[in-house]
């Protein structure tokens, strides 16, 4: 991004077009009657998916790895329900399509922690996290949620780093950085930009898994779930 001829707007436009072509089939499949038969509609699926993730981390922390894996599976099931049939009451302001995007993203995060990851980030496989991150990003972009699209790209990049795919991580961090730049989110742009130069996790714990809001100091260092030090330990324990 330091080169004089790099155009963030043009680069991201091309990148987003590729994502849309690649994952529009996944999104279309979520809206079919067949998907609704497989994934039964539930109440507040994203809230429950996040809660299952918290409980899974708690089980792991107390040495109950088997229970943690079961809870991660429950998080995936709940998130998939929200991806297929968003609960409108859960998104009274943003709307159900934004809810669908959140469900896809949190389902992707749960799949990462369950080690359901593609060998290469661009693979299309609805059983793996990468397709769900791709779907989430496209949904957010198509509904004008640039910050959430950038957040999805950021978590996706961290997921590739956890997997050991540094090339994929760098590309996704670049995409997130460009998008945050284009949407004027200076803080997130700088935080993601730093991740391209750092190795491993941020040396700070995820406030999400600590089940509390981030402190001001934490928010100036870490802006993702999957990039935290306690998340890395959790991820390794679930292998």
C-alpha atoms as a PDB file:
ATOM      1  CA  UNK A   1       0.000   0.000   0.000  1.00  0.00           C
ATOM      2  CA  UNK A   2       3.003   2.258   0.188  1.00  0.00           C
ATOM      3  CA  UNK A   3       3.509   2.302  -3.593  1.00  0.00           C
ATOM      4  CA  UNK A   4       2.573   5.520  -5.378  1.00  0.00           C
ATOM      5  CA  UNK A   5       0.465   3.766  -8.004  1.00  0.00           C
ATOM      6  CA  UNK A   6      -1.672   1.780  -5.558  1.00  0.00           C
ATOM      7  CA  UNK A   7      -5.324   2.838  -5.757  1.00  0.00           C
ATOM      8  CA  UNK A   8      -7.272   1.470  -2.735  1.00  0.00           C
ATOM      9  CA  UNK A   9     -10.668   2.210  -4.284  1.00  0.00           C
ATOM     10  CA  UNK A  10      -9.889   0.463  -7.564  1.00  0.00           C
ATOM     11  CA  UNK A  11      -8.155  -2.461  -5.849  1.00  0.00           C
ATOM     12  CA  UNK A  12     -11.014  -3.049  -3.431  1.00  0.00           C
ATOM     13  CA  UNK A  13     -13.627  -2.701  -6.168  1.00  0.00           C
ATOM     14  CA  UNK A  14     -11.936  -5.497  -8.102  1.00  0.00           C
ATOM     15  CA  UNK A  15     -11.529  -7.590  -4.961  1.00  0.00           C
ATOM     16  CA  UNK A  16     -15.184  -7.218  -3.953  1.00  0.00           C
ATOM     17  CA  UNK A  17     -16.369  -8.146  -7.443  1.00  0.00           C
ATOM     18  CA  UNK A  18     -14.384 -11.380  -7.230  1.00  0.00           C
ATOM     19  CA  UNK A  19     -15.847 -12.124  -3.781  1.00  0.00           C
ATOM     20  CA  UNK A  20     -19.378 -11.475  -4.986  1.00  0.00           C
ATOM     21  CA  UNK A  21     -19.024 -13.815  -7.959  1.00  0.00           C
ATOM     22  CA  UNK A  22     -17.469 -16.490  -5.784  1.00  0.00           C
ATOM     23  CA  UNK A  23     -19.943 -16.448  -2.894  1.00  0.00           C
ATOM     24  CA  UNK A  24     -23.233 -15.299  -4.399  1.00  0.00           C
ATOM     25  CA  UNK A  25     -24.164 -18.966  -4.890  1.00  0.00           C
ATOM     26  CA  UNK A  26     -23.666 -19.639  -1.188  1.00  0.00           C
ATOM     27  CA  UNK A  27     -25.890 -16.693  -0.276  1.00  0.00           C
ATOM     28  CA  UNK A  28     -28.574 -17.763  -2.771  1.00  0.00           C
ATOM     29  CA  UNK A  29     -28.552 -21.278  -1.298  1.00  0.00           C
ATOM     30  CA  UNK A  30     -29.252 -19.866   2.168  1.00  0.00           C
ATOM     31  CA  UNK A  31     -32.519 -18.404   0.900  1.00  0.00           C
ATOM     32  CA  UNK A  32     -33.958 -21.609  -0.547  1.00  0.00           C
ATOM     33  CA  UNK A  33     -36.750 -23.771   0.839  1.00  0.00           C
ATOM     34  CA  UNK A  34     -34.300 -26.656   1.011  1.00  0.00           C
ATOM     35  CA  UNK A  35     -32.047 -24.706   3.369  1.00  0.00           C
ATOM     36  CA  UNK A  36     -35.035 -23.904   5.600  1.00  0.00           C
ATOM     37  CA  UNK A  37     -35.847 -27.601   5.820  1.00  0.00           C
ATOM     38  CA  UNK A  38     -32.299 -28.417   6.960  1.00  0.00           C
ATOM     39  CA  UNK A  39     -31.824 -25.479   9.313  1.00  0.00           C
ATOM     40  CA  UNK A  40     -34.917 -24.938  11.452  1.00  0.00           C
ATOM     41  CA  UNK A  41     -35.823 -21.355  12.345  1.00  0.00           C
ATOM     42  CA  UNK A  42     -35.005 -20.404  15.933  1.00  0.00           C
ATOM     43  CA  UNK A  43     -35.409 -17.359  18.154  1.00  0.00           C
ATOM     44  CA  UNK A  44     -32.476 -14.935  18.474  1.00  0.00           C
ATOM     45  CA  UNK A  45     -29.995 -17.236  16.730  1.00  0.00           C
ATOM     46  CA  UNK A  46     -27.044 -14.812  16.749  1.00  0.00           C
ATOM     47  CA  UNK A  47     -27.398 -14.052  20.444  1.00  0.00           C
ATOM     48  CA  UNK A  48     -27.479 -17.771  21.203  1.00  0.00           C
ATOM     49  CA  UNK A  49     -24.553 -18.498  18.866  1.00  0.00           C
ATOM     50  CA  UNK A  50     -22.457 -15.939  20.720  1.00  0.00           C
ATOM     51  CA  UNK A  51     -23.601 -17.357  24.064  1.00  0.00           C
ATOM     52  CA  UNK A  52     -22.628 -20.889  23.010  1.00  0.00           C
ATOM     53  CA  UNK A  53     -19.192 -19.561  22.038  1.00  0.00           C
ATOM     54  CA  UNK A  54     -18.790 -17.992  25.480  1.00  0.00           C
ATOM     55  CA  UNK A  55     -19.882 -21.216  27.164  1.00  0.00           C
ATOM     56  CA  UNK A  56     -17.483 -23.198  24.975  1.00  0.00           C
ATOM     57  CA  UNK A  57     -14.616 -20.976  26.069  1.00  0.00           C
ATOM     58  CA  UNK A  58     -15.697 -21.408  29.681  1.00  0.00           C
ATOM     59  CA  UNK A  59     -15.753 -25.189  29.298  1.00  0.00           C
ATOM     60  CA  UNK A  60     -12.293 -25.153  27.709  1.00  0.00           C
ATOM     61  CA  UNK A  61     -10.990 -22.926  30.517  1.00  0.00           C
ATOM     62  CA  UNK A  62     -12.204 -25.434  33.119  1.00  0.00           C
ATOM     63  CA  UNK A  63     -10.589 -28.352  31.322  1.00  0.00           C
ATOM     64  CA  UNK A  64     -13.747 -29.715  29.668  1.00  0.00           C
ATOM     65  CA  UNK A  65     -12.527 -29.949  26.068  1.00  0.00           C
ATOM     66  CA  UNK A  66     -15.195 -32.407  24.951  1.00  0.00           C
ATOM     67  CA  UNK A  67     -17.967 -30.182  26.248  1.00  0.00           C
ATOM     68  CA  UNK A  68     -16.320 -27.166  24.612  1.00  0.00           C
ATOM     69  CA  UNK A  69     -16.403 -28.912  21.234  1.00  0.00           C
ATOM     70  CA  UNK A  70     -20.073 -29.776  21.697  1.00  0.00           C
ATOM     71  CA  UNK A  71     -20.852 -26.157  22.497  1.00  0.00           C
ATOM     72  CA  UNK A  72     -18.956 -24.986  19.420  1.00  0.00           C
ATOM     73  CA  UNK A  73     -21.150 -27.312  17.364  1.00  0.00           C
ATOM     74  CA  UNK A  74     -24.219 -25.765  19.016  1.00  0.00           C
ATOM     75  CA  UNK A  75     -22.923 -22.297  18.102  1.00  0.00           C
ATOM     76  CA  UNK A  76     -22.616 -23.366  14.465  1.00  0.00           C
ATOM     77  CA  UNK A  77     -26.154 -24.790  14.402  1.00  0.00           C
ATOM     78  CA  UNK A  78     -27.591 -21.624  15.932  1.00  0.00           C
ATOM     79  CA  UNK A  79     -25.658 -19.327  13.603  1.00  0.00           C
ATOM     80  CA  UNK A  80     -26.706 -21.363  10.571  1.00  0.00           C
ATOM     81  CA  UNK A  81     -30.325 -20.970  11.636  1.00  0.00           C
ATOM     82  CA  UNK A  82     -29.846 -17.209  11.654  1.00  0.00           C
ATOM     83  CA  UNK A  83     -28.121 -17.301   8.269  1.00  0.00           C
ATOM     84  CA  UNK A  84     -31.055 -19.146   6.715  1.00  0.00           C
ATOM     85  CA  UNK A  85     -33.926 -17.535   8.649  1.00  0.00           C
ATOM     86  CA  UNK A  86     -32.857 -14.294  10.377  1.00  0.00           C
ATOM     87  CA  UNK A  87     -34.982 -13.398  13.391  1.00  0.00           C
ATOM     88  CA  UNK A  88     -36.363  -9.951  12.543  1.00  0.00           C
ATOM     89  CA  UNK A  89     -36.923  -9.193  16.229  1.00  0.00           C
ATOM     90  CA  UNK A  90     -33.183  -9.556  16.762  1.00  0.00           C
ATOM     91  CA  UNK A  91     -32.513  -6.806  14.183  1.00  0.00           C
ATOM     92  CA  UNK A  92     -35.353  -4.264  14.560  1.00  0.00           C
ATOM     93  CA  UNK A  93     -33.227  -1.394  13.237  1.00  0.00           C
ATOM     94  CA  UNK A  94     -30.603  -2.955  10.950  1.00  0.00           C
ATOM     95  CA  UNK A  95     -33.015  -5.396   9.321  1.00  0.00           C
ATOM     96  CA  UNK A  96     -32.937  -9.159   8.702  1.00  0.00           C
ATOM     97  CA  UNK A  97     -30.341  -9.115   5.902  1.00  0.00           C
ATOM     98  CA  UNK A  98     -27.800  -7.532   8.243  1.00  0.00           C
ATOM     99  CA  UNK A  99     -28.809 -10.217  10.730  1.00  0.00           C
ATOM    100  CA  UNK A 100     -28.054 -12.814   8.081  1.00  0.00           C
ATOM    101  CA  UNK A 101     -24.589 -11.324   7.659  1.00  0.00           C
ATOM    102  CA  UNK A 102     -23.903 -11.404  11.391  1.00  0.00           C
ATOM    103  CA  UNK A 103     -25.068 -15.022  11.572  1.00  0.00           C
ATOM    104  CA  UNK A 104     -22.721 -15.970   8.729  1.00  0.00           C
ATOM    105  CA  UNK A 105     -19.788 -14.235  10.409  1.00  0.00           C
ATOM    106  CA  UNK A 106     -20.337 -15.752  13.854  1.00  0.00           C
ATOM    107  CA  UNK A 107     -20.918 -19.156  12.299  1.00  0.00           C
ATOM    108  CA  UNK A 108     -17.599 -18.736  10.510  1.00  0.00           C
ATOM    109  CA  UNK A 109     -15.851 -17.863  13.777  1.00  0.00           C
ATOM    110  CA  UNK A 110     -17.319 -20.966  15.442  1.00  0.00           C
ATOM    111  CA  UNK A 111     -16.170 -23.107  12.507  1.00  0.00           C
ATOM    112  CA  UNK A 112     -12.649 -21.702  12.788  1.00  0.00           C
ATOM    113  CA  UNK A 113     -12.481 -22.687  16.446  1.00  0.00           C
ATOM    114  CA  UNK A 114     -13.777 -26.129  15.418  1.00  0.00           C
ATOM    115  CA  UNK A 115     -10.931 -26.324  12.847  1.00  0.00           C
ATOM    116  CA  UNK A 116     -13.330 -26.390   9.917  1.00  0.00           C
ATOM    117  CA  UNK A 117     -11.109 -24.324   7.607  1.00  0.00           C
ATOM    118  CA  UNK A 118     -10.265 -24.481   3.930  1.00  0.00           C
ATOM    119  CA  UNK A 119      -6.771 -25.410   2.798  1.00  0.00           C
ATOM    120  CA  UNK A 120      -6.835 -22.199   0.759  1.00  0.00           C
ATOM    121  CA  UNK A 121      -9.022 -19.270   1.800  1.00  0.00           C
ATOM    122  CA  UNK A 122     -10.676 -18.931  -1.609  1.00  0.00           C
ATOM    123  CA  UNK A 123     -12.160 -22.425  -1.590  1.00  0.00           C
ATOM    124  CA  UNK A 124     -15.941 -22.672  -1.795  1.00  0.00           C
ATOM    125  CA  UNK A 125     -17.207 -25.247   0.672  1.00  0.00           C
ATOM    126  CA  UNK A 126     -20.235 -24.506   2.836  1.00  0.00           C
ATOM    127  CA  UNK A 127     -18.942 -26.839   5.547  1.00  0.00           C
ATOM    128  CA  UNK A 128     -15.881 -24.631   6.083  1.00  0.00           C
ATOM    129  CA  UNK A 129     -15.425 -21.219   7.673  1.00  0.00           C
ATOM    130  CA  UNK A 130     -14.044 -19.433   4.633  1.00  0.00           C
ATOM    131  CA  UNK A 131     -17.228 -19.695   2.575  1.00  0.00           C
ATOM    132  CA  UNK A 132     -19.178 -18.256   5.511  1.00  0.00           C
ATOM    133  CA  UNK A 133     -16.777 -15.344   5.935  1.00  0.00           C
ATOM    134  CA  UNK A 134     -17.060 -14.715   2.198  1.00  0.00           C
ATOM    135  CA  UNK A 135     -20.858 -14.789   2.346  1.00  0.00           C
ATOM    136  CA  UNK A 136     -20.911 -12.477   5.370  1.00  0.00           C
ATOM    137  CA  UNK A 137     -18.609  -9.971   3.694  1.00  0.00           C
ATOM    138  CA  UNK A 138     -20.683  -9.872   0.499  1.00  0.00           C
ATOM    139  CA  UNK A 139     -23.945  -9.518   2.427  1.00  0.00           C
ATOM    140  CA  UNK A 140     -22.576  -6.594   4.437  1.00  0.00           C
ATOM    141  CA  UNK A 141     -21.184  -4.899   1.316  1.00  0.00           C
ATOM    142  CA  UNK A 142     -24.443  -5.302  -0.597  1.00  0.00           C
ATOM    143  CA  UNK A 143     -26.370  -3.764   2.296  1.00  0.00           C
ATOM    144  CA  UNK A 144     -24.112  -0.752   2.805  1.00  0.00           C
ATOM    145  CA  UNK A 145     -22.454  -1.992   6.013  1.00  0.00           C
ATOM    146  CA  UNK A 146     -18.849  -1.177   5.185  1.00  0.00           C
ATOM    147  CA  UNK A 147     -17.603  -1.359   8.759  1.00  0.00           C
ATOM    148  CA  UNK A 148     -19.074  -4.822   9.308  1.00  0.00           C
ATOM    149  CA  UNK A 149     -17.744  -5.993   5.942  1.00  0.00           C
ATOM    150  CA  UNK A 150     -14.308  -4.821   7.040  1.00  0.00           C
ATOM    151  CA  UNK A 151     -14.759  -6.557  10.371  1.00  0.00           C
ATOM    152  CA  UNK A 152     -15.631  -9.806   8.586  1.00  0.00           C
ATOM    153  CA  UNK A 153     -12.547  -9.501   6.383  1.00  0.00           C
ATOM    154  CA  UNK A 154     -10.437  -8.812   9.462  1.00  0.00           C
ATOM    155  CA  UNK A 155     -11.681 -11.901  11.316  1.00  0.00           C
ATOM    156  CA  UNK A 156     -11.230 -13.911   8.131  1.00  0.00           C
ATOM    157  CA  UNK A 157      -7.625 -12.721   7.907  1.00  0.00           C
ATOM    158  CA  UNK A 158      -7.009 -13.703  11.521  1.00  0.00           C
ATOM    159  CA  UNK A 159      -8.534 -17.123  10.804  1.00  0.00           C
ATOM    160  CA  UNK A 160      -6.058 -17.685   7.983  1.00  0.00           C
ATOM    161  CA  UNK A 161      -3.181 -16.710  10.272  1.00  0.00           C
ATOM    162  CA  UNK A 162      -4.402 -19.220  12.860  1.00  0.00           C
ATOM    163  CA  UNK A 163      -4.399 -21.849  10.114  1.00  0.00           C
ATOM    164  CA  UNK A 164      -0.868 -20.926   9.067  1.00  0.00           C
ATOM    165  CA  UNK A 165      -1.831 -19.362   5.726  1.00  0.00           C
ATOM    166  CA  UNK A 166       0.111 -16.110   5.970  1.00  0.00           C
ATOM    167  CA  UNK A 167      -0.382 -15.195   2.303  1.00  0.00           C
ATOM    168  CA  UNK A 168      -4.144 -15.444   2.673  1.00  0.00           C
ATOM    169  CA  UNK A 169      -4.016 -13.479   5.919  1.00  0.00           C
ATOM    170  CA  UNK A 170      -2.019 -10.657   4.334  1.00  0.00           C
ATOM    171  CA  UNK A 171      -4.408 -10.374   1.381  1.00  0.00           C
ATOM    172  CA  UNK A 172      -7.452 -10.224   3.652  1.00  0.00           C
ATOM    173  CA  UNK A 173      -5.817  -7.713   6.001  1.00  0.00           C
ATOM    174  CA  UNK A 174      -5.069  -5.552   2.956  1.00  0.00           C
ATOM    175  CA  UNK A 175      -8.697  -5.796   1.846  1.00  0.00           C
ATOM    176  CA  UNK A 176      -9.933  -4.841   5.322  1.00  0.00           C
ATOM    177  CA  UNK A 177      -7.463  -1.956   5.519  1.00  0.00           C
ATOM    178  CA  UNK A 178      -8.605  -0.601   2.141  1.00  0.00           C
ATOM    179  CA  UNK A 179     -12.262  -0.855   3.112  1.00  0.00           C
ATOM    180  CA  UNK A 180     -11.768   0.883   6.456  1.00  0.00           C
ATOM    181  CA  UNK A 181      -9.834   3.596   4.628  1.00  0.00           C
ATOM    182  CA  UNK A 182     -12.644   4.046   2.104  1.00  0.00           C
ATOM    183  CA  UNK A 183     -15.299   4.197   4.841  1.00  0.00           C
ATOM    184  CA  UNK A 184     -13.269   6.674   6.908  1.00  0.00           C
ATOM    185  CA  UNK A 185     -12.744   4.347   9.880  1.00  0.00           C
ATOM    186  CA  UNK A 186      -9.255   5.527  10.785  1.00  0.00           C
ATOM    187  CA  UNK A 187      -8.966   3.583  14.050  1.00  0.00           C
ATOM    188  CA  UNK A 188      -9.785   0.184  12.567  1.00  0.00           C
ATOM    189  CA  UNK A 189      -7.706   0.944   9.476  1.00  0.00           C
ATOM    190  CA  UNK A 190      -4.622   1.516  11.599  1.00  0.00           C
ATOM    191  CA  UNK A 191      -5.230  -1.528  13.796  1.00  0.00           C
ATOM    192  CA  UNK A 192      -5.640  -3.889  10.848  1.00  0.00           C
ATOM    193  CA  UNK A 193      -2.705  -2.269   9.070  1.00  0.00           C
ATOM    194  CA  UNK A 194      -0.481  -3.127  12.034  1.00  0.00           C
ATOM    195  CA  UNK A 195      -1.507  -6.778  11.788  1.00  0.00           C
ATOM    196  CA  UNK A 196       0.237  -7.050   8.426  1.00  0.00           C
ATOM    197  CA  UNK A 197       3.530  -6.342  10.180  1.00  0.00           C
ATOM    198  CA  UNK A 198       2.946  -8.375  13.342  1.00  0.00           C
ATOM    199  CA  UNK A 199       3.349 -12.115  13.767  1.00  0.00           C
ATOM    200  CA  UNK A 200       1.073 -14.333  15.825  1.00  0.00           C
ATOM    201  CA  UNK A 201      -1.757 -12.984  17.986  1.00  0.00           C
ATOM    202  CA  UNK A 202      -2.046  -9.573  19.583  1.00  0.00           C
ATOM    203  CA  UNK A 203      -0.573  -9.875  23.065  1.00  0.00           C
ATOM    204  CA  UNK A 204      -3.897  -9.088  24.648  1.00  0.00           C
ATOM    205  CA  UNK A 205      -6.907 -11.211  25.550  1.00  0.00           C
ATOM    206  CA  UNK A 206     -10.219 -10.991  23.730  1.00  0.00           C
ATOM    207  CA  UNK A 207     -12.728  -9.098  25.842  1.00  0.00           C
ATOM    208  CA  UNK A 208     -15.458 -11.061  24.051  1.00  0.00           C
ATOM    209  CA  UNK A 209     -14.272 -14.303  25.619  1.00  0.00           C
ATOM    210  CA  UNK A 210     -13.799 -12.503  28.930  1.00  0.00           C
ATOM    211  CA  UNK A 211     -17.500 -11.589  28.550  1.00  0.00           C
ATOM    212  CA  UNK A 212     -17.124  -7.878  29.105  1.00  0.00           C
ATOM    213  CA  UNK A 213     -16.774  -4.700  27.022  1.00  0.00           C
ATOM    214  CA  UNK A 214     -13.282  -3.827  25.846  1.00  0.00           C
ATOM    215  CA  UNK A 215     -11.466  -1.196  27.858  1.00  0.00           C
ATOM    216  CA  UNK A 216     -10.276   1.929  26.108  1.00  0.00           C
ATOM    217  CA  UNK A 217      -6.706   0.620  26.198  1.00  0.00           C
ATOM    218  CA  UNK A 218      -7.786  -2.739  24.723  1.00  0.00           C
ATOM    219  CA  UNK A 219      -9.786  -1.108  21.939  1.00  0.00           C
ATOM    220  CA  UNK A 220      -6.647   0.747  20.849  1.00  0.00           C
ATOM    221  CA  UNK A 221      -4.753  -2.515  20.346  1.00  0.00           C
ATOM    222  CA  UNK A 222      -7.220  -5.269  19.456  1.00  0.00           C
ATOM    223  CA  UNK A 223     -10.330  -5.080  17.282  1.00  0.00           C
ATOM    224  CA  UNK A 224     -11.071  -8.733  16.548  1.00  0.00           C
ATOM    225  CA  UNK A 225     -12.022 -11.949  18.321  1.00  0.00           C
ATOM    226  CA  UNK A 226      -9.738 -14.333  16.455  1.00  0.00           C
ATOM    227  CA  UNK A 227      -6.596 -12.223  16.775  1.00  0.00           C
ATOM    228  CA  UNK A 228      -6.327 -12.400  20.575  1.00  0.00           C
ATOM    229  CA  UNK A 229      -3.863 -14.380  22.678  1.00  0.00           C
ATOM    230  CA  UNK A 230      -6.535 -16.276  24.622  1.00  0.00           C
ATOM    231  CA  UNK A 231      -8.276 -17.155  21.351  1.00  0.00           C
ATOM    232  CA  UNK A 232      -5.078 -18.727  20.001  1.00  0.00           C
ATOM    233  CA  UNK A 233      -4.809 -20.940  23.096  1.00  0.00           C
ATOM    234  CA  UNK A 234      -8.478 -21.905  22.747  1.00  0.00           C
ATOM    235  CA  UNK A 235      -7.980 -22.678  19.051  1.00  0.00           C
ATOM    236  CA  UNK A 236      -4.967 -24.892  19.698  1.00  0.00           C
ATOM    237  CA  UNK A 237      -6.782 -26.764  22.457  1.00  0.00           C
ATOM    238  CA  UNK A 238      -9.669 -27.615  20.126  1.00  0.00           C
ATOM    239  CA  UNK A 239      -7.431 -29.288  17.526  1.00  0.00           C
END
